[in-house]
Amino acid sequence: MSLHDDALALAPDLVRLRHDLHRFPELGLDLPRTQERVLRALEGLPLEVSQGSALSSVTAVLRGGRPGPAVLLRGDMDGLPVTEKAPVPFAAGNGAMHACGHDLHTTMLAGAAHLLAARREQLHGDVVFMFQPGEEGFDGAGAMLAEGVLDAAGRRPVAAYALHVTSGMRHGEFSSRRGPIMAASASLDVTVHGAGGHGSAPHRAKDPIPAACEMVTALQTMVTRRFDVFDPVVITVGLLRAGSQRNIIPETARFEATVRTFSAQAQARAGDAVVELVRGIAAAHGLRAQVEFVPGYPVTETDGAETDFLADTVREVFGEERYQPLPNPMTGSEDFSRILAAVPGSLGWLGAAPKGVDPENLPLNHSPYAEFDDAVLPDGAALYAELATRRLAS
C-alpha cells in the first residue's frame, strides 16, 4: 500500500484528533492541553520526544533504519482570540477558535509521524517533527530555534517543510511558489497626546481625535505615493480608541496598525516613513505623538529547488491537476520564515474548502465563520510523509 492509502486508512483517527483539538483551542506559547493531546497521539511510536522549556512545544525525532541526513516537518498548534460562529458540531466554546486551521496542521503532522514510523526501517535518515505553539504573533518558531529544534537530530536538517490550509482555495488543491510567498510583518502603535476639555469649547483644549483620524487617512495615501507598486507595502489600522463620552475631548487617542512588506528594504523604509508622517501631523496640530514601529516576522522565502520538489511530489502522488502554482505572494505573515531563513525548504498551501463549494463565497482564515474540511487530513499527512521519505532518499 502507498503512503496515501495508509493515510486514508488513518482518516477516522485523524478526524477524532482534529475535532478534539478544535473543541479546546489555546492561545500563544502556553498550550498545556494541546501539548498533552499531541503527546498522547504520539504514544507508542519509536520517537525521541522532548518538550519545550519556555513554551508548550513538542519535538519528536524519528531515527531512520538507514544512514542519511535529517529533514524537518513543522505543524503549528495555537488558536486565535476569536469567538467561533461556524455551524459545526465540534465548535469551540471557550471564546477562542482554530480559525486559521492549525488544528488540521497538528493533526496532519501527527498522522505523518504514524505513517513514517511504520516505515522507519526504510528511511534513509531522520525526521524531526516540530509541533509549534505561538505562530499567531508570538514567534513560537523563534523560541523553538532558541531551544535548539534544528539540532534535535544531532545535525542540522537539509530541508524543512510546512503545510498551511486555507478556505480560499479549492478543496484538495495544493499550491506554492519559489521565492517570497508571504509578507514580512511589523506593528505600528501610535498614541497622540493632547489636552482634554469640554466638547463645546475645542479651542480651549488640544483635541487628539482629528489628528489621529488624519494620520489614519494619510497612512493610506502615503503607501500609494512613497512606495514602488512592484515592492508593495500594505498598512491596515485595526484598532482605534479615543474618548469616553460625546461631550468630552480626551487627552489621548490611540491606534494600532499592521504593516506588511515583501523586502527588508521596504520594511526599513516603511518604518522611517510612518514615524516621520505621524510625528509631522501631530506637530501640525500642536500635539505630540508617541510612535512605536516594531518589525515582526521576516518575509517567508521558499527555496526554489525545494519548492519544485514539493510541486513534483504533489503531482506524482495526487495527479497533475492537484497542484497550481501560486502566482503572487500572500500578504499574511508566518514565523516559519525563521526556519526557512536557516534551512532550505518550502511552505505549501492546501485548499480545505468543502467539496463543490466556490472558495470565493467562503469566509477566509481568521473569520469566526471559517470552516475547514476534515477530508483533506489524509492528503496533508501523506504529503508530509512523502516529502520526508523522498527527500531523505534523494
Protein backbone atom coordinates (compact mmCIF):
# COMPACT_ATOMS: atom_id res chain seq x y z
CA MET A 1 0.00 0.00 0.00
CA SER A 2 1.10 3.58 -0.65
CA LEU A 3 1.56 6.24 1.98
CA HIS A 4 -1.64 7.87 0.75
CA ASP A 5 -3.54 4.58 1.10
CA ASP A 6 -2.26 4.22 4.65
CA ALA A 7 -3.22 7.82 5.37
CA LEU A 8 -6.76 7.18 4.13
CA ALA A 9 -6.95 4.21 6.49
CA LEU A 10 -5.97 6.55 9.34
CA ALA A 11 -8.72 9.04 8.46
CA PRO A 12 -11.12 8.18 11.35
CA ASP A 13 -8.32 8.65 13.90
CA LEU A 14 -7.22 11.90 12.24
CA VAL A 15 -10.75 13.29 12.31
CA ARG A 16 -11.16 12.42 16.01
CA LEU A 17 -7.88 14.13 16.87
CA ARG A 18 -8.69 17.22 14.83
CA HIS A 19 -12.16 17.59 16.40
CA ASP A 20 -10.73 17.20 19.90
CA LEU A 21 -8.11 19.88 19.24
CA HIS A 22 -10.71 22.13 17.65
CA ARG A 23 -13.04 21.99 20.67
CA PHE A 24 -10.34 23.27 23.03
CA PRO A 25 -8.15 25.86 21.29
CA GLU A 26 -5.39 27.51 23.30
CA LEU A 27 -3.54 30.75 22.63
CA GLY A 28 0.04 31.92 22.47
CA LEU A 29 3.02 29.97 23.74
CA ASP A 30 1.33 28.16 26.64
CA LEU A 31 -0.80 25.31 25.26
CA PRO A 32 -0.80 22.68 28.04
CA ARG A 33 -3.85 20.73 26.93
CA THR A 34 -2.85 20.79 23.27
CA GLN A 35 0.65 19.63 24.16
CA GLU A 36 -0.74 16.79 26.28
CA ARG A 37 -3.07 15.73 23.44
CA VAL A 38 -0.19 15.68 20.95
CA LEU A 39 1.92 13.58 23.32
CA ARG A 40 -0.94 11.09 23.63
CA ALA A 41 -1.28 10.97 19.84
CA LEU A 42 2.41 10.04 19.56
CA GLU A 43 2.37 7.38 22.31
CA GLY A 44 3.79 4.03 21.29
CA LEU A 45 5.77 5.36 18.34
CA PRO A 46 9.57 4.90 18.23
CA LEU A 47 10.26 8.60 18.71
CA GLU A 48 12.71 10.62 20.77
CA VAL A 49 10.33 13.18 22.29
CA SER A 50 11.23 16.39 24.09
CA GLN A 51 9.14 19.27 25.40
CA GLY A 52 9.92 22.97 25.38
CA SER A 53 11.07 24.90 28.43
CA ALA A 54 9.79 28.39 27.59
CA LEU A 55 6.77 27.19 25.59
CA SER A 56 4.49 24.17 25.23
CA SER A 57 6.29 22.76 22.22
CA VAL A 58 6.83 19.13 21.29
CA THR A 59 9.84 18.00 19.26
CA ALA A 60 9.95 14.38 18.15
CA VAL A 61 12.78 12.68 16.26
CA LEU A 62 12.27 9.52 14.25
CA ARG A 63 15.54 7.68 13.56
CA GLY A 64 15.53 6.01 10.17
CA GLY A 65 16.80 2.47 9.75
CA ARG A 66 19.37 3.53 7.16
CA PRO A 67 22.04 6.22 7.35
CA GLY A 68 21.30 9.62 5.89
CA PRO A 69 20.55 13.27 6.65
CA ALA A 70 17.65 14.79 8.59
CA VAL A 71 14.57 16.68 7.42
CA LEU A 72 12.19 18.79 9.48
CA LEU A 73 8.38 18.93 9.27
CA ARG A 74 6.55 21.76 11.06
CA GLY A 75 2.95 21.94 12.30
CA ASP A 76 1.70 24.91 14.34
CA MET A 77 -0.76 24.33 17.19
CA ASP A 78 -2.18 27.63 18.54
CA GLY A 79 -5.59 29.17 18.03
CA LEU A 80 -6.88 32.74 17.85
CA PRO A 81 -8.81 35.01 20.26
CA VAL A 82 -11.94 34.70 18.09
CA THR A 83 -15.37 33.56 19.32
CA GLU A 84 -16.42 30.78 16.97
CA LYS A 85 -19.62 31.20 14.97
CA ALA A 86 -19.06 28.43 12.43
CA PRO A 87 -22.02 25.97 12.42
CA VAL A 88 -20.01 22.83 13.17
CA PRO A 89 -20.93 20.29 15.89
CA PHE A 90 -17.38 20.38 17.31
CA ALA A 91 -17.20 24.18 17.66
CA ALA A 92 -15.11 25.65 20.46
CA GLY A 93 -16.94 27.13 23.42
CA ASN A 94 -14.14 28.84 25.32
CA GLY A 95 -14.02 32.16 23.44
CA ALA A 96 -11.08 31.08 21.28
CA MET A 97 -11.06 29.37 17.88
CA HIS A 98 -8.88 27.44 15.47
CA ALA A 99 -9.83 29.99 12.84
CA CYS A 100 -6.58 29.52 10.90
CA GLY A 101 -6.65 25.75 10.68
CA HIS A 102 -3.74 24.99 13.00
CA ASP A 103 -5.73 22.07 14.42
CA LEU A 104 -5.51 20.50 10.96
CA HIS A 105 -1.77 21.18 10.73
CA THR A 106 -1.15 19.50 14.10
CA THR A 107 -3.31 16.52 13.15
CA MET A 108 -1.65 16.07 9.76
CA LEU A 109 1.81 16.18 11.33
CA ALA A 110 0.81 13.59 13.94
CA GLY A 111 -0.58 11.46 11.11
CA ALA A 112 2.71 11.76 9.24
CA ALA A 113 4.56 10.58 12.35
CA HIS A 114 2.45 7.40 12.36
CA LEU A 115 2.94 6.83 8.62
CA LEU A 116 6.71 7.30 8.79
CA ALA A 117 7.14 5.29 11.98
CA ALA A 118 5.57 2.32 10.19
CA ARG A 119 8.28 2.66 7.51
CA ARG A 120 11.13 3.56 9.81
CA GLU A 121 13.44 0.78 8.62
CA GLN A 122 13.24 2.05 5.03
CA LEU A 123 14.03 5.69 5.88
CA HIS A 124 17.44 6.95 4.75
CA GLY A 125 17.94 9.32 7.68
CA ASP A 126 15.96 11.02 10.42
CA VAL A 127 12.78 13.10 10.60
CA VAL A 128 12.24 15.94 13.07
CA PHE A 129 8.58 16.65 13.86
CA MET A 130 8.20 20.24 15.07
CA PHE A 131 4.90 20.82 16.92
CA GLN A 132 4.98 24.57 17.47
CA PRO A 133 2.92 26.92 19.66
CA GLY A 134 2.68 30.66 19.23
CA GLU A 135 2.62 31.17 15.46
CA GLU A 136 -0.13 33.80 15.74
CA GLY A 137 2.09 36.73 16.68
CA PHE A 138 4.11 35.12 19.49
CA ASP A 139 7.14 33.98 17.44
CA GLY A 140 6.97 30.38 18.58
CA ALA A 141 9.33 29.37 15.79
CA GLY A 142 11.92 31.82 17.10
CA ALA A 143 11.51 30.39 20.60
CA MET A 144 11.92 26.82 19.34
CA LEU A 145 15.01 27.85 17.36
CA ALA A 146 16.46 29.32 20.56
CA GLU A 147 15.80 26.00 22.32
CA GLY A 148 17.62 24.06 19.61
CA VAL A 149 14.93 22.49 17.42
CA LEU A 150 17.30 22.49 14.43
CA ASP A 151 19.80 20.39 16.38
CA ALA A 152 17.27 17.88 17.72
CA ALA A 153 18.52 15.11 15.42
CA GLY A 154 22.15 15.86 16.24
CA ARG A 155 22.74 17.65 12.95
CA ARG A 156 21.02 20.39 11.00
CA PRO A 157 18.20 19.30 8.69
CA VAL A 158 18.97 19.51 5.00
CA ALA A 159 15.39 20.60 4.28
CA ALA A 160 12.27 21.83 6.11
CA TYR A 161 8.64 21.77 5.05
CA ALA A 162 5.34 23.11 6.38
CA LEU A 163 1.76 22.93 5.14
CA HIS A 164 -0.95 25.51 5.68
CA VAL A 165 -4.64 25.03 4.98
CA THR A 166 -6.85 27.76 3.59
CA SER A 167 -10.55 28.12 2.82
CA GLY A 168 -9.54 30.40 -0.05
CA MET A 169 -8.51 27.57 -2.43
CA ARG A 170 -10.47 24.73 -3.99
CA HIS A 171 -10.83 21.55 -1.96
CA GLY A 172 -7.69 19.40 -2.17
CA GLU A 173 -5.70 21.83 -4.30
CA PHE A 174 -2.04 22.32 -3.38
CA SER A 175 -0.02 25.43 -4.16
CA SER A 176 3.30 27.12 -3.50
CA ARG A 177 5.76 29.42 -5.24
CA ARG A 178 9.52 29.98 -5.48
CA GLY A 179 10.92 32.90 -3.50
CA PRO A 180 8.74 35.26 -1.44
CA ILE A 181 5.48 33.51 -0.60
CA MET A 182 4.31 35.51 2.44
CA ALA A 183 4.97 39.04 3.65
CA ALA A 184 7.05 40.40 6.46
CA SER A 185 5.00 41.94 9.25
CA ALA A 186 5.54 44.85 11.60
CA SER A 187 3.38 46.58 14.18
CA LEU A 188 2.73 50.32 14.38
CA ASP A 189 1.45 51.67 17.72
CA VAL A 190 0.62 55.37 17.96
CA THR A 191 -0.59 57.43 20.89
CA VAL A 192 -1.50 61.05 20.17
CA HIS A 193 -1.15 63.27 23.25
CA GLY A 194 -3.27 66.41 23.53
CA ALA A 195 -5.12 68.26 26.26
CA GLY A 196 -8.61 67.33 27.38
CA GLY A 197 -11.51 69.68 27.70
CA HIS A 198 -15.22 70.32 27.14
CA GLY A 199 -16.66 69.32 23.79
CA SER A 200 -18.38 72.70 23.48
CA ALA A 201 -15.06 74.59 23.61
CA PRO A 202 -12.46 72.76 21.49
CA HIS A 203 -10.39 75.95 21.27
CA ARG A 204 -9.68 75.61 25.00
CA ALA A 205 -8.33 72.08 24.55
CA LYS A 206 -5.98 70.22 22.22
CA ASP A 207 -8.12 67.58 20.56
CA PRO A 208 -6.15 64.42 19.60
CA ILE A 209 -9.04 62.76 17.73
CA PRO A 210 -8.97 64.79 14.46
CA ALA A 211 -5.20 64.41 14.33
CA ALA A 212 -5.43 60.64 14.80
CA CYS A 213 -8.08 60.41 12.07
CA GLU A 214 -5.89 62.44 9.73
CA MET A 215 -2.98 60.10 10.45
CA VAL A 216 -5.03 57.03 9.56
CA THR A 217 -6.07 58.54 6.23
CA ALA A 218 -2.61 59.90 5.46
CA LEU A 219 -1.00 56.49 6.04
CA GLN A 220 -3.14 55.01 3.26
CA THR A 221 -2.21 57.82 0.86
CA MET A 222 1.47 57.64 1.76
CA VAL A 223 1.65 53.99 0.67
CA THR A 224 0.49 54.89 -2.84
CA ARG A 225 2.88 57.81 -3.19
CA ARG A 226 6.07 56.80 -1.40
CA PHE A 227 6.47 53.14 -2.38
CA ASP A 228 7.02 51.23 -5.61
CA VAL A 229 3.93 49.18 -6.54
CA PHE A 230 6.29 46.34 -7.51
CA ASP A 231 7.73 46.25 -3.95
CA PRO A 232 4.43 46.79 -2.18
CA VAL A 233 3.54 47.96 1.30
CA VAL A 234 0.17 47.26 2.94
CA ILE A 235 -0.91 49.21 6.03
CA THR A 236 -4.12 48.38 7.86
CA VAL A 237 -5.28 50.15 11.01
CA GLY A 238 -7.12 47.55 13.04
CA LEU A 239 -7.62 49.39 16.33
CA LEU A 240 -8.65 53.00 17.02
CA ARG A 241 -9.58 54.16 20.53
CA ALA A 242 -10.30 57.56 22.00
CA GLY A 243 -12.63 59.21 24.44
CA SER A 244 -15.21 58.19 26.99
CA GLN A 245 -18.25 60.39 26.20
CA ARG A 246 -19.51 62.51 23.32
CA ASN A 247 -19.07 65.89 25.03
CA ILE A 248 -15.59 65.26 26.43
CA ILE A 249 -12.40 65.96 24.50
CA PRO A 250 -9.94 63.25 25.63
CA GLU A 251 -6.30 63.75 26.45
CA THR A 252 -5.15 60.95 24.15
CA ALA A 253 -6.16 58.99 21.08
CA ARG A 254 -4.54 55.71 20.15
CA PHE A 255 -4.40 53.43 17.13
CA GLU A 256 -2.58 50.27 16.10
CA ALA A 257 -1.75 49.11 12.59
CA THR A 258 -0.14 46.18 10.86
CA VAL A 259 2.45 46.87 8.15
CA ARG A 260 3.17 44.21 5.51
CA THR A 261 6.15 44.30 3.13
CA PHE A 262 7.95 41.92 0.78
CA SER A 263 11.56 43.05 1.21
CA ALA A 264 13.79 44.06 4.08
CA GLN A 265 14.44 47.35 2.28
CA ALA A 266 10.74 48.18 2.02
CA GLN A 267 10.19 47.36 5.69
CA ALA A 268 13.03 49.64 6.79
CA ARG A 269 11.78 52.49 4.58
CA ALA A 270 8.22 51.98 5.80
CA GLY A 271 9.35 52.24 9.41
CA ASP A 272 11.10 55.54 8.80
CA ALA A 273 8.24 56.93 6.69
CA VAL A 274 5.38 56.18 9.09
CA VAL A 275 7.22 57.64 12.07
CA GLU A 276 8.04 60.83 10.14
CA LEU A 277 4.46 61.17 8.87
CA VAL A 278 2.75 60.62 12.21
CA ARG A 279 5.01 62.98 14.11
CA GLY A 280 4.67 65.63 11.39
CA ILE A 281 0.87 65.55 11.54
CA ALA A 282 0.93 65.70 15.33
CA ALA A 283 3.23 68.74 15.23
CA ALA A 284 0.98 70.45 12.68
CA HIS A 285 -1.89 70.16 15.18
CA GLY A 286 0.25 71.38 18.08
CA LEU A 287 0.26 67.89 19.61
CA ARG A 288 2.80 65.20 20.41
CA ALA A 289 2.80 61.64 19.09
CA GLN A 290 4.39 58.63 20.74
CA VAL A 291 5.22 56.17 17.94
CA GLU A 292 6.46 52.57 18.07
CA PHE A 293 7.32 50.67 14.89
CA VAL A 294 8.32 47.09 15.73
CA PRO A 295 9.38 44.63 13.00
CA GLY A 296 7.85 41.15 13.41
CA TYR A 297 8.21 38.12 11.20
CA PRO A 298 10.51 38.46 8.17
CA VAL A 299 9.47 37.67 4.61
CA THR A 300 8.75 33.96 4.12
CA GLU A 301 11.00 32.92 1.24
CA THR A 302 10.96 29.40 -0.13
CA ASP A 303 13.94 27.69 -1.69
CA GLY A 304 13.47 27.28 -5.45
CA ALA A 305 14.69 23.68 -5.68
CA GLU A 306 12.74 22.56 -2.60
CA THR A 307 9.58 24.20 -3.93
CA ASP A 308 9.99 22.44 -7.27
CA PHE A 309 10.46 19.20 -5.33
CA LEU A 310 7.25 19.84 -3.37
CA ALA A 311 5.32 20.55 -6.58
CA ASP A 312 6.69 17.43 -8.31
CA THR A 313 5.79 15.31 -5.28
CA VAL A 314 2.20 16.57 -5.27
CA ARG A 315 1.83 15.88 -8.99
CA GLU A 316 3.25 12.36 -8.72
CA VAL A 317 1.22 11.38 -5.66
CA PHE A 318 -2.09 13.13 -6.30
CA GLY A 319 -2.10 13.99 -10.02
CA GLU A 320 -1.15 16.93 -12.21
CA GLU A 321 -4.43 18.75 -11.63
CA ARG A 322 -3.93 18.89 -7.86
CA TYR A 323 -1.06 21.40 -7.99
CA GLN A 324 -1.46 25.02 -9.07
CA PRO A 325 1.48 27.44 -8.75
CA LEU A 326 0.72 30.46 -6.60
CA PRO A 327 1.04 33.45 -8.95
CA ASN A 328 1.70 36.09 -6.28
CA PRO A 329 2.82 36.13 -2.66
CA MET A 330 0.20 36.37 0.08
CA THR A 331 0.19 39.38 2.38
CA GLY A 332 -0.19 37.30 5.52
CA SER A 333 2.96 36.53 7.50
CA GLU A 334 4.40 33.36 9.01
CA ASP A 335 7.07 32.60 11.58
CA PHE A 336 8.05 29.54 9.55
CA SER A 337 10.04 32.26 7.80
CA ARG A 338 12.52 31.87 10.67
CA ILE A 339 13.06 28.21 9.79
CA LEU A 340 13.35 28.88 6.05
CA ALA A 341 15.96 31.55 6.75
CA ALA A 342 18.12 28.87 8.38
CA VAL A 343 17.28 25.76 6.33
CA PRO A 344 16.35 25.36 2.65
CA GLY A 345 12.73 24.36 2.38
CA SER A 346 9.25 25.30 1.31
CA LEU A 347 5.76 26.13 2.53
CA GLY A 348 2.82 24.51 0.77
CA TRP A 349 -0.80 25.63 0.78
CA LEU A 350 -3.67 23.15 0.85
CA GLY A 351 -7.21 24.11 -0.09
CA ALA A 352 -9.56 22.95 2.67
CA ALA A 353 -12.81 24.40 1.37
CA PRO A 354 -15.70 21.91 1.38
CA LYS A 355 -16.01 19.88 -1.82
CA GLY A 356 -18.04 21.53 -4.54
CA VAL A 357 -18.09 24.94 -2.86
CA ASP A 358 -16.65 28.01 -4.59
CA PRO A 359 -13.96 29.32 -2.19
CA GLU A 360 -14.75 32.86 -3.36
CA ASN A 361 -18.01 32.56 -1.41
CA LEU A 362 -16.44 31.32 1.83
CA PRO A 363 -15.14 33.24 4.87
CA LEU A 364 -11.34 33.27 4.88
CA ASN A 365 -8.96 32.14 7.61
CA HIS A 366 -9.29 34.15 10.86
CA SER A 367 -13.04 34.66 10.34
CA PRO A 368 -15.32 33.44 13.16
CA TYR A 369 -17.24 31.64 10.40
CA ALA A 370 -14.19 29.92 8.85
CA GLU A 371 -14.65 26.20 8.17
CA PHE A 372 -12.13 23.60 7.02
CA ASP A 373 -12.96 20.18 5.60
CA ASP A 374 -11.78 17.10 7.51
CA ALA A 375 -11.46 15.26 4.20
CA VAL A 376 -8.09 16.92 3.45
CA LEU A 377 -6.44 15.48 6.59
CA PRO A 378 -5.17 12.25 4.95
CA ASP A 379 -3.83 14.21 1.97
CA GLY A 380 -1.85 16.55 4.20
CA ALA A 381 -0.48 13.70 6.34
CA ALA A 382 0.51 11.76 3.23
CA LEU A 383 2.26 14.74 1.65
CA TYR A 384 4.27 15.42 4.81
CA ALA A 385 5.35 11.77 4.84
CA GLU A 386 6.12 11.67 1.11
CA LEU A 387 8.23 14.84 1.33
CA ALA A 388 10.30 13.39 4.15
CA THR A 389 10.69 9.95 2.57
CA ARG A 390 11.61 11.20 -0.89
CA ARG A 391 13.90 13.98 0.31
CA LEU A 392 15.86 11.60 2.53
CA ALA A 393 16.13 9.08 -0.28
CA SER A 394 17.49 11.74 -2.62
